[in-house]
Amino acid sequence: MYELQGKVALVTGAAGKRGLGRAVAIRLAREGADVAVNDVSLFSVRYTDDDKIEGWQGLKSVEAEIRALGRKGLAVEADISSRHKVEEMVERCKEEFGRIDILVNTAGIRGPDVPVLEVVSEEDWQKVMAINVMGPYFCAKAVAKIMIARGSGGKIINFSSIAGKVMRAAALYAISKFEVIGLTQALALELAPYRINVNAICPGPIATEFTKFGAIIRSYMRDGMTSDEATVKAFSQSTLISDTPLGRIAQPEEVAGLVAFLASSESDYMTGQAINFTGGKLMCH
């Protein structure tokens, strides 16, 4: 639908079987792009026992899925909080594909879910900021250099959150996601002369394995429920659904559809935007 044939995408944080990064990578491949996928390790630090039982192989499984769709795939381990590791990753992608047209900064962590005055340690603060803010910056900087040198423009898509617009309980996470919106706007202004569009997506809750409901969802699926049925049941007692006008939680594949639009020529006149994807939960800002 979005005709990404001939394009090359790099998606970070993609090792999880039911994660957002994998959904994004597969959607871009279905649209015709060759895709490099990244995480801190091939199997991801969030690799679960259920994944092992199901034969999941982390980034290698995602790479295989991309190739099964007839596209080129590449799995690259790298800690995005390290500028040096990011530069090595981007250079490897360039060597493999010759170009990078699309960057999707999906990787992120939540950190301690405590008030900002009760953050456990300086190390906690630095880790969340390093992965959620510096990581997207390092990736965008390295990829933008390639895009500028080619002179063909490009698309950079960052992930913020509804928490990046309306302060929620997880203060440290929210602060980092506010910063992602600022980073997006700064990059959009600086890169506009090079026809590089930079936008952010601000989702509400997404039914991934990394929410606090992930273990519950997996247990229901072991009992024979489909993913959708398990998700509805797991969230049914939560205000996350009752506070959402559309009355449900977003699926990773739905968010991936918005990424595909932002990665395509259909969004060429959009830049510097922080787009709500909240089921109507946030109708302003």
C-alpha atoms as a PDB file:
ATOM      1  CA  MET A   1       0.000   0.000   0.000  1.00  0.00           C
ATOM      2  CA  TYR A   2       2.804   2.417   0.838  1.00  0.00           C
ATOM      3  CA  GLU A   3       5.253   1.188  -1.808  1.00  0.00           C
ATOM      4  CA  LEU A   4       8.552   1.046   0.061  1.00  0.00           C
ATOM      5  CA  GLN A   5      10.264  -1.074  -2.591  1.00  0.00           C
ATOM      6  CA  GLY A   6      13.928  -0.158  -2.896  1.00  0.00           C
ATOM      7  CA  LYS A   7      14.015   1.406   0.561  1.00  0.00           C
ATOM      8  CA  VAL A   8      16.120   0.237   3.505  1.00  0.00           C
ATOM      9  CA  ALA A   9      14.908   0.515   7.096  1.00  0.00           C
ATOM     10  CA  LEU A  10      16.642   0.153  10.457  1.00  0.00           C
ATOM     11  CA  VAL A  11      14.385  -0.749  13.405  1.00  0.00           C
ATOM     12  CA  THR A  12      15.743  -0.773  16.959  1.00  0.00           C
ATOM     13  CA  GLY A  13      14.384  -2.824  19.853  1.00  0.00           C
ATOM     14  CA  ALA A  14      13.032  -5.631  17.665  1.00  0.00           C
ATOM     15  CA  ALA A  15      13.955  -8.928  19.371  1.00  0.00           C
ATOM     16  CA  GLY A  16      10.723  -9.525  21.284  1.00  0.00           C
ATOM     17  CA  LYS A  17       8.250 -12.007  19.814  1.00  0.00           C
ATOM     18  CA  ARG A  18       5.200  -9.902  20.739  1.00  0.00           C
ATOM     19  CA  GLY A  19       6.951  -6.561  20.805  1.00  0.00           C
ATOM     20  CA  LEU A  20       6.405  -3.368  18.859  1.00  0.00           C
ATOM     21  CA  GLY A  21       9.792  -3.510  17.094  1.00  0.00           C
ATOM     22  CA  ARG A  22       9.062  -6.859  15.483  1.00  0.00           C
ATOM     23  CA  ALA A  23       5.611  -5.686  14.318  1.00  0.00           C
ATOM     24  CA  VAL A  24       7.154  -2.574  12.765  1.00  0.00           C
ATOM     25  CA  ALA A  25       9.925  -4.514  11.028  1.00  0.00           C
ATOM     26  CA  ILE A  26       7.508  -7.045   9.526  1.00  0.00           C
ATOM     27  CA  ARG A  27       5.110  -4.326   8.351  1.00  0.00           C
ATOM     28  CA  LEU A  28       7.900  -2.409   6.613  1.00  0.00           C
ATOM     29  CA  ALA A  29       9.073  -5.620   4.953  1.00  0.00           C
ATOM     30  CA  ARG A  30       5.524  -6.320   3.762  1.00  0.00           C
ATOM     31  CA  GLU A  31       5.526  -2.842   2.232  1.00  0.00           C
ATOM     32  CA  GLY A  32       8.638  -3.777   0.242  1.00  0.00           C
ATOM     33  CA  ALA A  33      11.531  -2.475   2.341  1.00  0.00           C
ATOM     34  CA  ASP A  34      14.696  -4.358   3.204  1.00  0.00           C
ATOM     35  CA  VAL A  35      15.018  -4.237   6.986  1.00  0.00           C
ATOM     36  CA  ALA A  36      17.831  -4.348   9.532  1.00  0.00           C
ATOM     37  CA  VAL A  37      16.659  -5.170  13.055  1.00  0.00           C
ATOM     38  CA  ASN A  38      18.485  -4.361  16.267  1.00  0.00           C
ATOM     39  CA  ASP A  39      18.376  -5.089  19.966  1.00  0.00           C
ATOM     40  CA  VAL A  40      20.848  -5.142  22.812  1.00  0.00           C
ATOM     41  CA  SER A  41      21.328  -8.862  22.152  1.00  0.00           C
ATOM     42  CA  LEU A  42      20.150 -11.362  19.550  1.00  0.00           C
ATOM     43  CA  PHE A  43      17.712 -12.851  22.027  1.00  0.00           C
ATOM     44  CA  SER A  44      16.994  -9.647  23.970  1.00  0.00           C
ATOM     45  CA  VAL A  45      17.293  -9.302  27.722  1.00  0.00           C
ATOM     46  CA  ARG A  46      13.492  -9.687  27.821  1.00  0.00           C
ATOM     47  CA  TYR A  47      13.544 -13.152  26.277  1.00  0.00           C
ATOM     48  CA  THR A  48      10.950 -15.250  28.166  1.00  0.00           C
ATOM     49  CA  ASP A  49      10.547 -18.919  29.020  1.00  0.00           C
ATOM     50  CA  ASP A  50       7.414 -18.982  26.850  1.00  0.00           C
ATOM     51  CA  ASP A  51       9.487 -17.771  23.910  1.00  0.00           C
ATOM     52  CA  LYS A  52      11.973 -20.596  24.436  1.00  0.00           C
ATOM     53  CA  ILE A  53       9.179 -23.165  24.496  1.00  0.00           C
ATOM     54  CA  GLU A  54       7.796 -21.733  21.260  1.00  0.00           C
ATOM     55  CA  GLY A  55      11.240 -21.875  19.600  1.00  0.00           C
ATOM     56  CA  TRP A  56      11.670 -18.122  19.355  1.00  0.00           C
ATOM     57  CA  GLN A  57      15.208 -17.060  18.392  1.00  0.00           C
ATOM     58  CA  GLY A  58      15.006 -13.318  18.936  1.00  0.00           C
ATOM     59  CA  LEU A  59      16.452 -11.126  16.218  1.00  0.00           C
ATOM     60  CA  LYS A  60      17.348 -14.165  14.132  1.00  0.00           C
ATOM     61  CA  SER A  61      13.676 -15.166  13.998  1.00  0.00           C
ATOM     62  CA  VAL A  62      12.699 -11.651  12.887  1.00  0.00           C
ATOM     63  CA  GLU A  63      15.458 -11.684  10.272  1.00  0.00           C
ATOM     64  CA  ALA A  64      14.117 -15.019   8.967  1.00  0.00           C
ATOM     65  CA  GLU A  65      10.574 -13.625   8.794  1.00  0.00           C
ATOM     66  CA  ILE A  66      11.769 -10.651   6.776  1.00  0.00           C
ATOM     67  CA  ARG A  67      13.576 -12.913   4.325  1.00  0.00           C
ATOM     68  CA  ALA A  68      10.525 -15.182   4.059  1.00  0.00           C
ATOM     69  CA  LEU A  69       8.664 -12.128   2.742  1.00  0.00           C
ATOM     70  CA  GLY A  70      11.186 -11.856  -0.089  1.00  0.00           C
ATOM     71  CA  ARG A  71      13.126  -8.965   1.421  1.00  0.00           C
ATOM     72  CA  LYS A  72      16.711  -8.694   2.648  1.00  0.00           C
ATOM     73  CA  GLY A  73      17.063  -8.896   6.421  1.00  0.00           C
ATOM     74  CA  LEU A  74      19.903  -8.251   8.827  1.00  0.00           C
ATOM     75  CA  ALA A  75      20.079  -8.835  12.600  1.00  0.00           C
ATOM     76  CA  VAL A  76      22.490  -6.516  14.429  1.00  0.00           C
ATOM     77  CA  GLU A  77      23.337  -6.596  18.120  1.00  0.00           C
ATOM     78  CA  ALA A  78      24.101  -3.184  19.607  1.00  0.00           C
ATOM     79  CA  ASP A  79      23.526  -1.263  22.824  1.00  0.00           C
ATOM     80  CA  ILE A  80      22.026   1.984  21.529  1.00  0.00           C
ATOM     81  CA  SER A  81      23.104   3.858  24.661  1.00  0.00           C
ATOM     82  CA  SER A  82      26.678   3.566  23.358  1.00  0.00           C
ATOM     83  CA  ARG A  83      27.576   6.031  20.606  1.00  0.00           C
ATOM     84  CA  HIS A  84      30.408   3.785  19.453  1.00  0.00           C
ATOM     85  CA  LYS A  85      28.163   0.698  19.199  1.00  0.00           C
ATOM     86  CA  VAL A  86      25.533   2.688  17.296  1.00  0.00           C
ATOM     87  CA  GLU A  87      28.094   3.940  14.811  1.00  0.00           C
ATOM     88  CA  GLU A  88      29.341   0.369  14.270  1.00  0.00           C
ATOM     89  CA  MET A  89      25.748  -0.837  13.753  1.00  0.00           C
ATOM     90  CA  VAL A  90      24.919   1.870  11.241  1.00  0.00           C
ATOM     91  CA  GLU A  91      28.147   1.278   9.348  1.00  0.00           C
ATOM     92  CA  ARG A  92      27.378  -2.438   9.135  1.00  0.00           C
ATOM     93  CA  CYS A  93      23.926  -1.652   7.740  1.00  0.00           C
ATOM     94  CA  LYS A  94      25.470   0.673   5.186  1.00  0.00           C
ATOM     95  CA  GLU A  95      27.958  -1.994   4.133  1.00  0.00           C
ATOM     96  CA  GLU A  96      25.182  -4.589   3.797  1.00  0.00           C
ATOM     97  CA  PHE A  97      22.565  -2.473   2.022  1.00  0.00           C
ATOM     98  CA  GLY A  98      24.451   0.537   0.683  1.00  0.00           C
ATOM     99  CA  ARG A  99      21.935   2.987   2.172  1.00  0.00           C
ATOM    100  CA  ILE A 100      19.457   3.664   4.975  1.00  0.00           C
ATOM    101  CA  ASP A 101      16.232   5.465   4.090  1.00  0.00           C
ATOM    102  CA  ILE A 102      14.133   4.852   7.208  1.00  0.00           C
ATOM    103  CA  LEU A 103      15.060   4.797  10.897  1.00  0.00           C
ATOM    104  CA  VAL A 104      12.520   3.692  13.514  1.00  0.00           C
ATOM    105  CA  ASN A 105      13.666   4.251  17.091  1.00  0.00           C
ATOM    106  CA  THR A 106      11.503   1.701  18.878  1.00  0.00           C
ATOM    107  CA  ALA A 107      13.893   0.602  21.644  1.00  0.00           C
ATOM    108  CA  GLY A 108      13.208   1.895  25.133  1.00  0.00           C
ATOM    109  CA  ILE A 109      12.880   0.980  28.802  1.00  0.00           C
ATOM    110  CA  ARG A 110      10.447   2.019  31.517  1.00  0.00           C
ATOM    111  CA  GLY A 111      12.738   2.267  34.543  1.00  0.00           C
ATOM    112  CA  PRO A 112      11.614   2.352  38.191  1.00  0.00           C
ATOM    113  CA  ASP A 113       7.913   3.174  38.562  1.00  0.00           C
ATOM    114  CA  VAL A 114       8.333   5.621  41.456  1.00  0.00           C
ATOM    115  CA  PRO A 115       7.939   9.399  42.009  1.00  0.00           C
ATOM    116  CA  VAL A 116      10.820  11.453  40.683  1.00  0.00           C
ATOM    117  CA  LEU A 117      11.951  12.367  44.212  1.00  0.00           C
ATOM    118  CA  GLU A 118      12.158   8.670  45.022  1.00  0.00           C
ATOM    119  CA  VAL A 119      14.217   7.520  42.034  1.00  0.00           C
ATOM    120  CA  VAL A 120      16.347   4.729  43.442  1.00  0.00           C
ATOM    121  CA  SER A 121      19.729   5.943  42.229  1.00  0.00           C
ATOM    122  CA  GLU A 122      21.598   8.213  39.897  1.00  0.00           C
ATOM    123  CA  GLU A 123      22.369   5.093  37.857  1.00  0.00           C
ATOM    124  CA  ASP A 124      18.628   4.491  37.307  1.00  0.00           C
ATOM    125  CA  TRP A 125      18.211   8.028  36.005  1.00  0.00           C
ATOM    126  CA  GLN A 126      21.210   7.762  33.710  1.00  0.00           C
ATOM    127  CA  LYS A 127      20.165   4.357  32.323  1.00  0.00           C
ATOM    128  CA  VAL A 128      16.645   5.480  31.377  1.00  0.00           C
ATOM    129  CA  MET A 129      17.907   8.691  29.777  1.00  0.00           C
ATOM    130  CA  ALA A 130      20.737   6.875  27.997  1.00  0.00           C
ATOM    131  CA  ILE A 131      18.411   4.364  26.317  1.00  0.00           C
ATOM    132  CA  ASN A 132      15.247   6.443  25.842  1.00  0.00           C
ATOM    133  CA  VAL A 133      16.846   9.769  24.830  1.00  0.00           C
ATOM    134  CA  MET A 134      20.529   9.428  23.983  1.00  0.00           C
ATOM    135  CA  GLY A 135      19.936   6.169  22.085  1.00  0.00           C
ATOM    136  CA  PRO A 136      17.484   7.714  19.582  1.00  0.00           C
ATOM    137  CA  TYR A 137      19.794  10.715  19.289  1.00  0.00           C
ATOM    138  CA  PHE A 138      22.868   8.589  18.553  1.00  0.00           C
ATOM    139  CA  CYS A 139      20.919   6.543  15.988  1.00  0.00           C
ATOM    140  CA  ALA A 140      19.399   9.597  14.311  1.00  0.00           C
ATOM    141  CA  LYS A 141      22.744  11.369  14.120  1.00  0.00           C
ATOM    142  CA  ALA A 142      24.548   8.405  12.563  1.00  0.00           C
ATOM    143  CA  VAL A 143      21.753   7.617  10.082  1.00  0.00           C
ATOM    144  CA  ALA A 144      21.167  11.258   9.142  1.00  0.00           C
ATOM    145  CA  LYS A 145      24.787  11.543   8.017  1.00  0.00           C
ATOM    146  CA  ILE A 146      24.190   8.736   5.520  1.00  0.00           C
ATOM    147  CA  MET A 147      20.909  10.262   4.353  1.00  0.00           C
ATOM    148  CA  ILE A 148      22.512  13.681   3.865  1.00  0.00           C
ATOM    149  CA  ALA A 149      25.460  12.219   1.954  1.00  0.00           C
ATOM    150  CA  ARG A 150      23.097  10.391  -0.426  1.00  0.00           C
ATOM    151  CA  GLY A 151      21.002  13.499  -0.970  1.00  0.00           C
ATOM    152  CA  SER A 152      17.765  11.494  -1.305  1.00  0.00           C
ATOM    153  CA  GLY A 153      16.064  12.531   1.930  1.00  0.00           C
ATOM    154  CA  GLY A 154      14.745  10.056   4.472  1.00  0.00           C
ATOM    155  CA  LYS A 155      12.376   9.344   7.329  1.00  0.00           C
ATOM    156  CA  ILE A 156      13.169   9.180  11.040  1.00  0.00           C
ATOM    157  CA  ILE A 157      10.419   7.973  13.376  1.00  0.00           C
ATOM    158  CA  ASN A 158      10.840   8.200  17.136  1.00  0.00           C
ATOM    159  CA  PHE A 159       8.678   6.655  19.824  1.00  0.00           C
ATOM    160  CA  SER A 160       7.530   8.902  22.629  1.00  0.00           C
ATOM    161  CA  SER A 161       4.370   8.105  24.629  1.00  0.00           C
ATOM    162  CA  ILE A 162       1.142   9.546  25.945  1.00  0.00           C
ATOM    163  CA  ALA A 163       3.281   9.954  29.070  1.00  0.00           C
ATOM    164  CA  GLY A 164       5.414  12.389  27.082  1.00  0.00           C
ATOM    165  CA  LYS A 165       2.464  14.786  26.936  1.00  0.00           C
ATOM    166  CA  VAL A 166       0.535  14.161  30.147  1.00  0.00           C
ATOM    167  CA  MET A 167       2.538  13.346  33.258  1.00  0.00           C
ATOM    168  CA  ARG A 168       1.765   9.871  34.591  1.00  0.00           C
ATOM    169  CA  ALA A 169       2.860   7.870  37.619  1.00  0.00           C
ATOM    170  CA  ALA A 170       6.157   6.621  36.165  1.00  0.00           C
ATOM    171  CA  ALA A 171       7.833  10.016  36.429  1.00  0.00           C
ATOM    172  CA  LEU A 172      11.295   9.088  35.168  1.00  0.00           C
ATOM    173  CA  TYR A 173       9.868   7.356  32.100  1.00  0.00           C
ATOM    174  CA  ALA A 174       7.561  10.309  31.426  1.00  0.00           C
ATOM    175  CA  ILE A 175      10.426  12.803  31.643  1.00  0.00           C
ATOM    176  CA  SER A 176      12.409  10.796  29.109  1.00  0.00           C
ATOM    177  CA  LYS A 177       9.434  10.690  26.726  1.00  0.00           C
ATOM    178  CA  PHE A 178       8.925  14.472  27.027  1.00  0.00           C
ATOM    179  CA  GLU A 179      12.559  14.769  25.944  1.00  0.00           C
ATOM    180  CA  VAL A 180      11.957  12.531  22.918  1.00  0.00           C
ATOM    181  CA  ILE A 181       9.374  15.029  21.652  1.00  0.00           C
ATOM    182  CA  GLY A 182      11.878  17.860  22.055  1.00  0.00           C
ATOM    183  CA  LEU A 183      14.537  15.824  20.266  1.00  0.00           C
ATOM    184  CA  THR A 184      12.097  15.124  17.436  1.00  0.00           C
ATOM    185  CA  GLN A 185      11.336  18.800  16.947  1.00  0.00           C
ATOM    186  CA  ALA A 186      15.006  19.811  17.055  1.00  0.00           C
ATOM    187  CA  LEU A 187      15.975  17.171  14.492  1.00  0.00           C
ATOM    188  CA  ALA A 188      13.004  18.077  12.278  1.00  0.00           C
ATOM    189  CA  LEU A 189      14.145  21.688  12.094  1.00  0.00           C
ATOM    190  CA  GLU A 190      17.789  20.870  11.446  1.00  0.00           C
ATOM    191  CA  LEU A 191      17.165  18.148   8.875  1.00  0.00           C
ATOM    192  CA  ALA A 192      14.300  19.752   6.920  1.00  0.00           C
ATOM    193  CA  PRO A 193      16.672  21.357   4.375  1.00  0.00           C
ATOM    194  CA  TYR A 194      17.860  17.841   3.492  1.00  0.00           C
ATOM    195  CA  ARG A 195      14.308  16.521   2.969  1.00  0.00           C
ATOM    196  CA  ILE A 196      14.578  14.311   6.036  1.00  0.00           C
ATOM    197  CA  ASN A 197      11.277  14.117   7.878  1.00  0.00           C
ATOM    198  CA  VAL A 198      11.371  13.489  11.634  1.00  0.00           C
ATOM    199  CA  ASN A 199       8.196  12.631  13.535  1.00  0.00           C
ATOM    200  CA  ALA A 200       7.283  10.975  16.816  1.00  0.00           C
ATOM    201  CA  ILE A 201       4.470   8.607  17.746  1.00  0.00           C
ATOM    202  CA  CYS A 202       2.888   8.944  21.189  1.00  0.00           C
ATOM    203  CA  PRO A 203       1.003   5.711  21.916  1.00  0.00           C
ATOM    204  CA  GLY A 204      -1.209   4.908  24.828  1.00  0.00           C
ATOM    205  CA  PRO A 205      -1.061   1.345  26.177  1.00  0.00           C
ATOM    206  CA  ILE A 206      -0.096  -1.269  23.582  1.00  0.00           C
ATOM    207  CA  ALA A 207      -0.701  -4.992  24.037  1.00  0.00           C
ATOM    208  CA  THR A 208       2.922  -6.082  23.945  1.00  0.00           C
ATOM    209  CA  GLU A 209       4.745  -8.655  26.052  1.00  0.00           C
ATOM    210  CA  PHE A 210       6.534  -5.862  27.885  1.00  0.00           C
ATOM    211  CA  THR A 211       3.545  -4.333  29.666  1.00  0.00           C
ATOM    212  CA  LYS A 212       2.947  -5.368  33.270  1.00  0.00           C
ATOM    213  CA  PHE A 213       0.078  -7.466  31.899  1.00  0.00           C
ATOM    214  CA  GLY A 214       2.352  -9.449  29.592  1.00  0.00           C
ATOM    215  CA  ALA A 215       2.724 -12.455  31.899  1.00  0.00           C
ATOM    216  CA  ILE A 216      -1.034 -12.583  32.432  1.00  0.00           C
ATOM    217  CA  ILE A 217      -1.691 -12.483  28.694  1.00  0.00           C
ATOM    218  CA  ARG A 218       0.778 -15.310  28.098  1.00  0.00           C
ATOM    219  CA  SER A 219      -0.820 -17.448  30.825  1.00  0.00           C
ATOM    220  CA  TYR A 220      -4.247 -17.072  29.209  1.00  0.00           C
ATOM    221  CA  MET A 221      -2.769 -18.001  25.835  1.00  0.00           C
ATOM    222  CA  ARG A 222      -1.302 -21.164  27.373  1.00  0.00           C
ATOM    223  CA  ASP A 223      -4.837 -22.007  28.417  1.00  0.00           C
ATOM    224  CA  GLY A 224      -5.923 -21.896  24.782  1.00  0.00           C
ATOM    225  CA  MET A 225      -7.061 -18.307  24.282  1.00  0.00           C
ATOM    226  CA  THR A 226      -6.095 -16.361  21.173  1.00  0.00           C
ATOM    227  CA  SER A 227      -3.839 -13.344  21.610  1.00  0.00           C
ATOM    228  CA  ASP A 228      -6.798 -10.964  21.210  1.00  0.00           C
ATOM    229  CA  GLU A 229      -8.969 -12.890  23.687  1.00  0.00           C
ATOM    230  CA  ALA A 230      -6.173 -13.039  26.244  1.00  0.00           C
ATOM    231  CA  THR A 231      -5.465  -9.335  25.867  1.00  0.00           C
ATOM    232  CA  VAL A 232      -9.087  -8.330  26.377  1.00  0.00           C
ATOM    233  CA  LYS A 233      -9.392 -10.502  29.488  1.00  0.00           C
ATOM    234  CA  ALA A 234      -6.095  -9.316  30.966  1.00  0.00           C
ATOM    235  CA  PHE A 235      -6.990  -5.660  30.597  1.00  0.00           C
ATOM    236  CA  SER A 236     -10.716  -6.011  31.398  1.00  0.00           C
ATOM    237  CA  GLN A 237     -10.304  -5.128  35.085  1.00  0.00           C
ATOM    238  CA  SER A 238      -8.006  -2.205  34.354  1.00  0.00           C
ATOM    239  CA  THR A 239      -8.908   1.468  34.021  1.00  0.00           C
ATOM    240  CA  LEU A 240      -6.697   1.443  30.913  1.00  0.00           C
ATOM    241  CA  ILE A 241      -9.731   0.200  28.986  1.00  0.00           C
ATOM    242  CA  SER A 242     -12.488   2.035  30.851  1.00  0.00           C
ATOM    243  CA  ASP A 243     -10.635   5.346  30.373  1.00  0.00           C
ATOM    244  CA  THR A 244     -10.180   4.782  26.638  1.00  0.00           C
ATOM    245  CA  PRO A 245     -13.089   5.969  24.444  1.00  0.00           C
ATOM    246  CA  LEU A 246     -12.569   3.165  21.900  1.00  0.00           C
ATOM    247  CA  GLY A 247     -12.749   0.670  24.757  1.00  0.00           C
ATOM    248  CA  ARG A 248      -9.722  -1.465  23.970  1.00  0.00           C
ATOM    249  CA  ILE A 249      -5.933  -1.599  23.902  1.00  0.00           C
ATOM    250  CA  ALA A 250      -3.951  -1.028  20.702  1.00  0.00           C
ATOM    251  CA  GLN A 251      -2.242  -3.983  19.026  1.00  0.00           C
ATOM    252  CA  PRO A 252       1.413  -3.629  17.916  1.00  0.00           C
ATOM    253  CA  GLU A 253       0.383  -4.217  14.286  1.00  0.00           C
ATOM    254  CA  GLU A 254      -1.902  -1.180  14.413  1.00  0.00           C
ATOM    255  CA  VAL A 255       0.920   1.081  15.541  1.00  0.00           C
ATOM    256  CA  ALA A 256       3.101  -0.443  12.823  1.00  0.00           C
ATOM    257  CA  GLY A 257       0.547   0.766  10.274  1.00  0.00           C
ATOM    258  CA  LEU A 258       1.138   4.364  11.367  1.00  0.00           C
ATOM    259  CA  VAL A 259       4.894   3.793  11.132  1.00  0.00           C
ATOM    260  CA  ALA A 260       4.470   2.546   7.550  1.00  0.00           C
ATOM    261  CA  PHE A 261       2.582   5.734   6.656  1.00  0.00           C
ATOM    262  CA  LEU A 262       5.260   7.962   8.216  1.00  0.00           C
ATOM    263  CA  ALA A 263       7.969   5.977   6.410  1.00  0.00           C
ATOM    264  CA  SER A 264       6.296   6.476   3.030  1.00  0.00           C
ATOM    265  CA  SER A 265       6.056   9.348   0.562  1.00  0.00           C
ATOM    266  CA  GLU A 266       2.459   9.875   1.751  1.00  0.00           C
ATOM    267  CA  SER A 267       3.877  11.771   4.762  1.00  0.00           C
ATOM    268  CA  ASP A 268       6.341  13.955   2.870  1.00  0.00           C
ATOM    269  CA  TYR A 269       4.745  17.186   4.141  1.00  0.00           C
ATOM    270  CA  MET A 270       4.742  16.102   7.801  1.00  0.00           C
ATOM    271  CA  THR A 271       7.668  16.808  10.080  1.00  0.00           C
ATOM    272  CA  GLY A 272       8.228  17.711  13.714  1.00  0.00           C
ATOM    273  CA  GLN A 273       4.929  16.154  14.777  1.00  0.00           C
ATOM    274  CA  ALA A 274       4.180  14.156  17.944  1.00  0.00           C
ATOM    275  CA  ILE A 275       1.198  12.056  16.878  1.00  0.00           C
ATOM    276  CA  ASN A 276      -1.235  10.684  19.460  1.00  0.00           C
ATOM    277  CA  PHE A 277      -2.196   7.010  19.099  1.00  0.00           C
ATOM    278  CA  THR A 278      -4.339   6.555  22.176  1.00  0.00           C
ATOM    279  CA  GLY A 279      -7.788   5.300  21.187  1.00  0.00           C
ATOM    280  CA  GLY A 280      -9.172   8.746  21.950  1.00  0.00           C
ATOM    281  CA  LYS A 281      -7.679   8.892  25.445  1.00  0.00           C
ATOM    282  CA  LEU A 282      -5.840  12.104  24.628  1.00  0.00           C
ATOM    283  CA  MET A 283      -7.646  14.458  22.250  1.00  0.00           C
ATOM    284  CA  CYS A 284      -5.497  17.573  22.574  1.00  0.00           C
ATOM    285  CA  HIS A 285      -1.840  18.621  22.754  1.00  0.00           C
END
